[in-house]
C-alpha cells in the first residue's frame, strides 16, 4: 500500500480545528457564485460540443481549464493565507521546522 509520509507539525486543538473549518466554509461560500458560473459554463461547452476532441472544442476547453485552475488556486491560496493568519505557528514551510 501507499502510506503517506506523516508530516510532523504542530497539531490543532479541537477548538482550533473547528475555527479553521468554519473559516474554510465561509471562504468556500464566498466563491460559490464563481463555482456555479464555472459549472454552467462547462455544461454549456458540453452541450455545444458533442465531441471534445473537435479542434474548435479544444481551444475553448483549454481556456475553460485555465479558468478552472486559476479559480482553484485562488481559493486554495486564500484558504492557506487564512490558516497562516489564524495559526502562524502552523505555517508549513519546507525546511523551517527547525526552530532557531
N, C-alpha and C. Protein backbone atom coordinates (compact mmCIF):
# COMPACT_ATOMS: atom_id res chain seq x y z
N UNK A 1 0.82 -1.21 0.00
CA UNK A 1 0.00 0.00 0.00
C UNK A 1 0.85 1.26 0.00
N UNK A 2 0.24 2.38 -0.34
CA UNK A 2 0.99 3.63 -0.34
C UNK A 2 0.64 4.40 0.93
N UNK A 3 1.57 4.42 1.85
CA UNK A 3 1.32 5.18 3.07
C UNK A 3 1.88 6.57 2.88
N UNK A 4 1.06 7.56 3.21
CA UNK A 4 1.50 8.93 3.08
C UNK A 4 2.49 9.25 4.18
N UNK A 5 3.60 9.81 3.82
CA UNK A 5 4.59 10.19 4.83
C UNK A 5 3.94 11.20 5.77
N UNK A 6 3.95 10.87 7.04
CA UNK A 6 3.34 11.78 8.02
C UNK A 6 4.25 12.98 8.24
N UNK A 7 3.73 14.15 7.92
CA UNK A 7 4.49 15.37 8.16
C UNK A 7 4.29 15.76 9.62
N UNK A 8 5.36 15.89 10.33
CA UNK A 8 5.22 16.30 11.73
C UNK A 8 5.08 17.81 11.78
N UNK A 9 3.97 18.26 12.32
CA UNK A 9 3.75 19.67 12.50
C UNK A 9 2.81 19.84 13.67
N UNK A 10 2.84 21.01 14.29
CA UNK A 10 2.01 21.20 15.48
C UNK A 10 0.57 20.82 15.22
N UNK A 11 -0.04 20.11 16.13
CA UNK A 11 -1.43 19.70 15.96
C UNK A 11 -2.36 20.80 16.45
N UNK A 12 -3.48 20.93 15.75
CA UNK A 12 -4.50 21.88 16.18
C UNK A 12 -5.32 21.24 17.30
N UNK A 13 -5.71 22.05 18.24
CA UNK A 13 -6.67 21.56 19.23
C UNK A 13 -8.01 21.41 18.52
N UNK A 14 -8.96 20.74 19.16
CA UNK A 14 -10.27 20.54 18.56
C UNK A 14 -10.91 21.90 18.25
N UNK A 15 -10.79 22.83 19.19
CA UNK A 15 -11.39 24.16 19.01
C UNK A 15 -10.77 24.86 17.80
N UNK A 16 -9.46 24.81 17.71
CA UNK A 16 -8.78 25.46 16.58
C UNK A 16 -9.21 24.83 15.26
N UNK A 17 -9.35 23.51 15.29
CA UNK A 17 -9.78 22.80 14.09
C UNK A 17 -11.16 23.26 13.65
N UNK A 18 -12.06 23.39 14.63
CA UNK A 18 -13.43 23.87 14.33
C UNK A 18 -13.38 25.27 13.74
N UNK A 19 -12.58 26.11 14.38
CA UNK A 19 -12.46 27.50 13.95
C UNK A 19 -11.98 27.58 12.51
N UNK A 20 -10.99 26.76 12.21
CA UNK A 20 -10.42 26.74 10.87
C UNK A 20 -11.44 26.24 9.86
N UNK A 21 -12.16 25.17 10.24
CA UNK A 21 -13.18 24.63 9.34
C UNK A 21 -14.26 25.66 9.04
N UNK A 22 -14.66 26.39 10.09
CA UNK A 22 -15.69 27.42 9.90
C UNK A 22 -15.21 28.47 8.90
N UNK A 23 -13.95 28.88 9.03
CA UNK A 23 -13.37 29.86 8.11
C UNK A 23 -13.36 29.32 6.68
N UNK A 24 -12.96 28.06 6.54
CA UNK A 24 -12.90 27.45 5.22
C UNK A 24 -14.27 27.44 4.57
N UNK A 25 -15.29 27.09 5.36
CA UNK A 25 -16.66 27.05 4.84
C UNK A 25 -17.07 28.45 4.38
N UNK A 26 -16.72 29.44 5.21
CA UNK A 26 -17.01 30.84 4.87
C UNK A 26 -16.40 31.21 3.52
N UNK A 27 -15.12 30.91 3.37
CA UNK A 27 -14.41 31.24 2.14
C UNK A 27 -15.02 30.49 0.96
N UNK A 28 -15.32 29.20 1.18
CA UNK A 28 -15.94 28.41 0.12
C UNK A 28 -17.25 29.04 -0.35
N UNK A 29 -18.06 29.44 0.62
CA UNK A 29 -19.35 30.06 0.29
C UNK A 29 -19.16 31.31 -0.54
N UNK A 30 -18.16 32.08 -0.17
CA UNK A 30 -17.86 33.32 -0.87
C UNK A 30 -17.62 33.04 -2.35
N UNK A 31 -17.04 31.87 -2.63
CA UNK A 31 -16.70 31.54 -4.01
C UNK A 31 -17.78 30.74 -4.73
N UNK A 32 -18.89 30.44 -4.03
CA UNK A 32 -19.94 29.65 -4.65
C UNK A 32 -20.43 30.20 -5.98
N UNK A 33 -20.72 31.52 -6.06
CA UNK A 33 -21.21 32.05 -7.33
C UNK A 33 -20.25 31.78 -8.48
N UNK A 34 -18.95 31.95 -8.22
CA UNK A 34 -17.96 31.70 -9.27
C UNK A 34 -17.94 30.23 -9.64
N UNK A 35 -18.06 29.37 -8.63
CA UNK A 35 -18.05 27.94 -8.89
C UNK A 35 -19.25 27.55 -9.74
N UNK A 36 -20.42 28.12 -9.40
CA UNK A 36 -21.64 27.83 -10.17
C UNK A 36 -21.48 28.29 -11.61
N UNK A 37 -20.89 29.46 -11.78
CA UNK A 37 -20.66 30.01 -13.12
C UNK A 37 -19.78 29.06 -13.93
N UNK A 38 -18.71 28.57 -13.30
CA UNK A 38 -17.82 27.65 -13.99
C UNK A 38 -18.57 26.37 -14.37
N UNK A 39 -19.40 25.89 -13.45
CA UNK A 39 -20.18 24.69 -13.73
C UNK A 39 -21.09 24.89 -14.93
N UNK A 40 -21.79 26.02 -14.94
CA UNK A 40 -22.74 26.23 -16.04
C UNK A 40 -22.00 26.47 -17.35
N UNK A 41 -20.83 27.12 -17.27
CA UNK A 41 -20.02 27.30 -18.48
C UNK A 41 -19.61 25.95 -19.05
N UNK A 42 -19.27 25.04 -18.13
CA UNK A 42 -18.85 23.72 -18.59
C UNK A 42 -20.02 22.98 -19.21
N UNK A 43 -21.20 23.09 -18.59
CA UNK A 43 -22.40 22.46 -19.12
C UNK A 43 -22.68 22.99 -20.53
N UNK A 44 -22.49 24.29 -20.69
CA UNK A 44 -22.71 24.92 -22.00
C UNK A 44 -21.73 24.36 -23.04
N UNK A 45 -20.47 24.20 -22.62
CA UNK A 45 -19.47 23.63 -23.54
C UNK A 45 -19.87 22.21 -23.92
N UNK A 46 -20.32 21.45 -22.94
CA UNK A 46 -20.73 20.08 -23.19
C UNK A 46 -21.87 20.03 -24.20
N UNK A 47 -22.82 20.95 -24.05
CA UNK A 47 -23.97 20.99 -24.95
C UNK A 47 -23.53 21.41 -26.36
N UNK A 48 -22.59 22.35 -26.40
CA UNK A 48 -22.16 22.91 -27.68
C UNK A 48 -21.33 21.90 -28.48
N UNK A 49 -20.45 21.19 -27.78
CA UNK A 49 -19.59 20.23 -28.46
C UNK A 49 -19.91 18.82 -28.01
N UNK A 50 -20.47 18.04 -28.90
CA UNK A 50 -20.72 16.64 -28.55
C UNK A 50 -19.36 15.93 -28.41
N UNK A 51 -18.41 16.41 -29.20
CA UNK A 51 -17.09 15.79 -29.20
C UNK A 51 -16.04 16.79 -28.74
N UNK A 52 -15.47 16.53 -27.56
CA UNK A 52 -14.47 17.45 -27.01
C UNK A 52 -13.14 17.37 -27.75
N UNK A 53 -13.02 16.44 -28.66
CA UNK A 53 -11.77 16.34 -29.42
C UNK A 53 -11.81 17.16 -30.70
N UNK A 54 -12.96 17.75 -30.98
CA UNK A 54 -13.05 18.63 -32.14
C UNK A 54 -12.07 19.78 -31.96
N UNK A 55 -11.41 20.18 -33.07
CA UNK A 55 -10.38 21.22 -32.97
C UNK A 55 -10.87 22.50 -32.29
N UNK A 56 -12.06 22.96 -32.63
CA UNK A 56 -12.54 24.20 -32.04
C UNK A 56 -12.95 24.01 -30.57
N UNK A 57 -13.29 22.77 -30.22
CA UNK A 57 -13.63 22.49 -28.83
C UNK A 57 -12.38 22.57 -27.96
N UNK A 58 -11.27 22.08 -28.51
CA UNK A 58 -10.00 22.06 -27.78
C UNK A 58 -9.66 23.43 -27.24
N UNK A 59 -9.77 24.44 -28.11
CA UNK A 59 -9.40 25.80 -27.72
C UNK A 59 -10.25 26.30 -26.55
N UNK A 60 -11.56 26.15 -26.68
CA UNK A 60 -12.45 26.62 -25.63
C UNK A 60 -12.27 25.84 -24.34
N UNK A 61 -12.02 24.54 -24.50
CA UNK A 61 -11.84 23.68 -23.34
C UNK A 61 -10.57 24.06 -22.59
N UNK A 62 -9.52 24.36 -23.34
CA UNK A 62 -8.27 24.78 -22.73
C UNK A 62 -8.47 26.07 -21.95
N UNK A 63 -9.19 27.00 -22.56
CA UNK A 63 -9.46 28.27 -21.89
C UNK A 63 -10.26 28.03 -20.61
N UNK A 64 -11.21 27.13 -20.70
CA UNK A 64 -12.03 26.81 -19.53
C UNK A 64 -11.17 26.19 -18.43
N UNK A 65 -10.31 25.25 -18.82
CA UNK A 65 -9.44 24.59 -17.84
C UNK A 65 -8.55 25.60 -17.14
N UNK A 66 -8.04 26.56 -17.91
CA UNK A 66 -7.18 27.58 -17.30
C UNK A 66 -7.95 28.39 -16.27
N UNK A 67 -9.19 28.73 -16.59
CA UNK A 67 -10.02 29.48 -15.65
C UNK A 67 -10.29 28.67 -14.39
N UNK A 68 -10.56 27.37 -14.62
CA UNK A 68 -10.83 26.48 -13.50
C UNK A 68 -9.61 26.37 -12.59
N UNK A 69 -8.45 26.18 -13.20
CA UNK A 69 -7.23 26.05 -12.42
C UNK A 69 -6.94 27.32 -11.63
N UNK A 70 -7.10 28.47 -12.27
CA UNK A 70 -6.79 29.70 -11.57
C UNK A 70 -7.81 29.97 -10.47
N UNK A 71 -9.05 29.54 -10.70
CA UNK A 71 -10.07 29.66 -9.66
C UNK A 71 -9.70 28.79 -8.46
N UNK A 72 -9.32 27.54 -8.72
CA UNK A 72 -8.94 26.64 -7.64
C UNK A 72 -7.75 27.17 -6.88
N UNK A 73 -6.79 27.71 -7.62
CA UNK A 73 -5.59 28.24 -6.98
C UNK A 73 -5.95 29.43 -6.09
N UNK A 74 -6.82 30.28 -6.60
CA UNK A 74 -7.28 31.45 -5.87
C UNK A 74 -7.89 31.02 -4.53
N UNK A 75 -8.78 30.03 -4.60
CA UNK A 75 -9.45 29.55 -3.39
C UNK A 75 -8.43 28.94 -2.42
N UNK A 76 -7.57 28.07 -2.94
CA UNK A 76 -6.64 27.39 -2.03
C UNK A 76 -5.62 28.36 -1.45
N UNK A 77 -5.22 29.37 -2.25
CA UNK A 77 -4.31 30.39 -1.72
C UNK A 77 -4.96 31.15 -0.58
N UNK A 78 -6.24 31.46 -0.75
CA UNK A 78 -6.94 32.19 0.28
C UNK A 78 -7.12 31.34 1.54
N UNK A 79 -7.40 30.06 1.34
CA UNK A 79 -7.53 29.16 2.49
C UNK A 79 -6.20 29.08 3.24
N UNK A 80 -5.11 28.94 2.49
CA UNK A 80 -3.79 28.86 3.13
C UNK A 80 -3.48 30.14 3.88
N UNK A 81 -3.76 31.27 3.22
CA UNK A 81 -3.48 32.56 3.84
C UNK A 81 -4.27 32.71 5.14
N UNK A 82 -5.53 32.28 5.10
CA UNK A 82 -6.38 32.38 6.29
C UNK A 82 -5.83 31.49 7.40
N UNK A 83 -5.39 30.30 7.03
CA UNK A 83 -4.83 29.39 8.03
C UNK A 83 -3.57 29.98 8.67
N UNK A 84 -2.71 30.53 7.82
CA UNK A 84 -1.47 31.12 8.32
C UNK A 84 -1.74 32.32 9.21
N UNK A 85 -2.80 33.03 8.86
CA UNK A 85 -3.17 34.22 9.61
C UNK A 85 -3.70 33.83 11.00
N UNK A 86 -4.54 32.78 11.02
CA UNK A 86 -5.12 32.33 12.29
C UNK A 86 -4.10 31.60 13.15
N UNK A 87 -3.29 30.76 12.51
CA UNK A 87 -2.35 29.94 13.25
C UNK A 87 -0.96 30.03 12.61
N UNK A 88 -0.28 31.15 12.84
CA UNK A 88 1.04 31.32 12.22
C UNK A 88 2.00 30.19 12.59
N UNK A 89 1.77 29.58 13.75
CA UNK A 89 2.68 28.51 14.18
C UNK A 89 2.54 27.26 13.30
N UNK A 90 1.49 27.22 12.50
CA UNK A 90 1.27 26.07 11.63
C UNK A 90 1.91 26.23 10.27
N UNK A 91 2.41 27.42 9.98
CA UNK A 91 2.98 27.67 8.65
C UNK A 91 3.84 26.48 8.24
N UNK A 92 3.45 25.86 7.17
CA UNK A 92 4.17 24.68 6.71
C UNK A 92 5.14 25.06 5.61
N UNK A 93 6.27 25.59 6.02
CA UNK A 93 7.28 25.93 5.02
C UNK A 93 8.33 24.84 5.05
N UNK A 94 8.64 24.29 3.89
CA UNK A 94 9.64 23.22 3.88
C UNK A 94 10.95 23.73 4.45
N UNK A 95 11.53 22.95 5.36
CA UNK A 95 12.83 23.33 5.90
C UNK A 95 12.81 24.29 7.04
N UNK A 96 11.62 24.77 7.42
CA UNK A 96 11.59 25.75 8.50
C UNK A 96 11.13 25.13 9.81
N UNK A 97 11.09 23.78 9.83
CA UNK A 97 10.59 23.12 11.03
C UNK A 97 11.57 23.24 12.20
N UNK A 98 12.85 23.38 11.87
CA UNK A 98 13.84 23.55 12.92
C UNK A 98 13.74 24.96 13.50
N UNK A 99 13.34 25.02 14.76
CA UNK A 99 13.20 26.33 15.38
C UNK A 99 14.56 26.93 15.69
N UNK A 100 14.72 28.23 15.44
CA UNK A 100 16.03 28.87 15.73
C UNK A 100 16.29 28.92 17.24
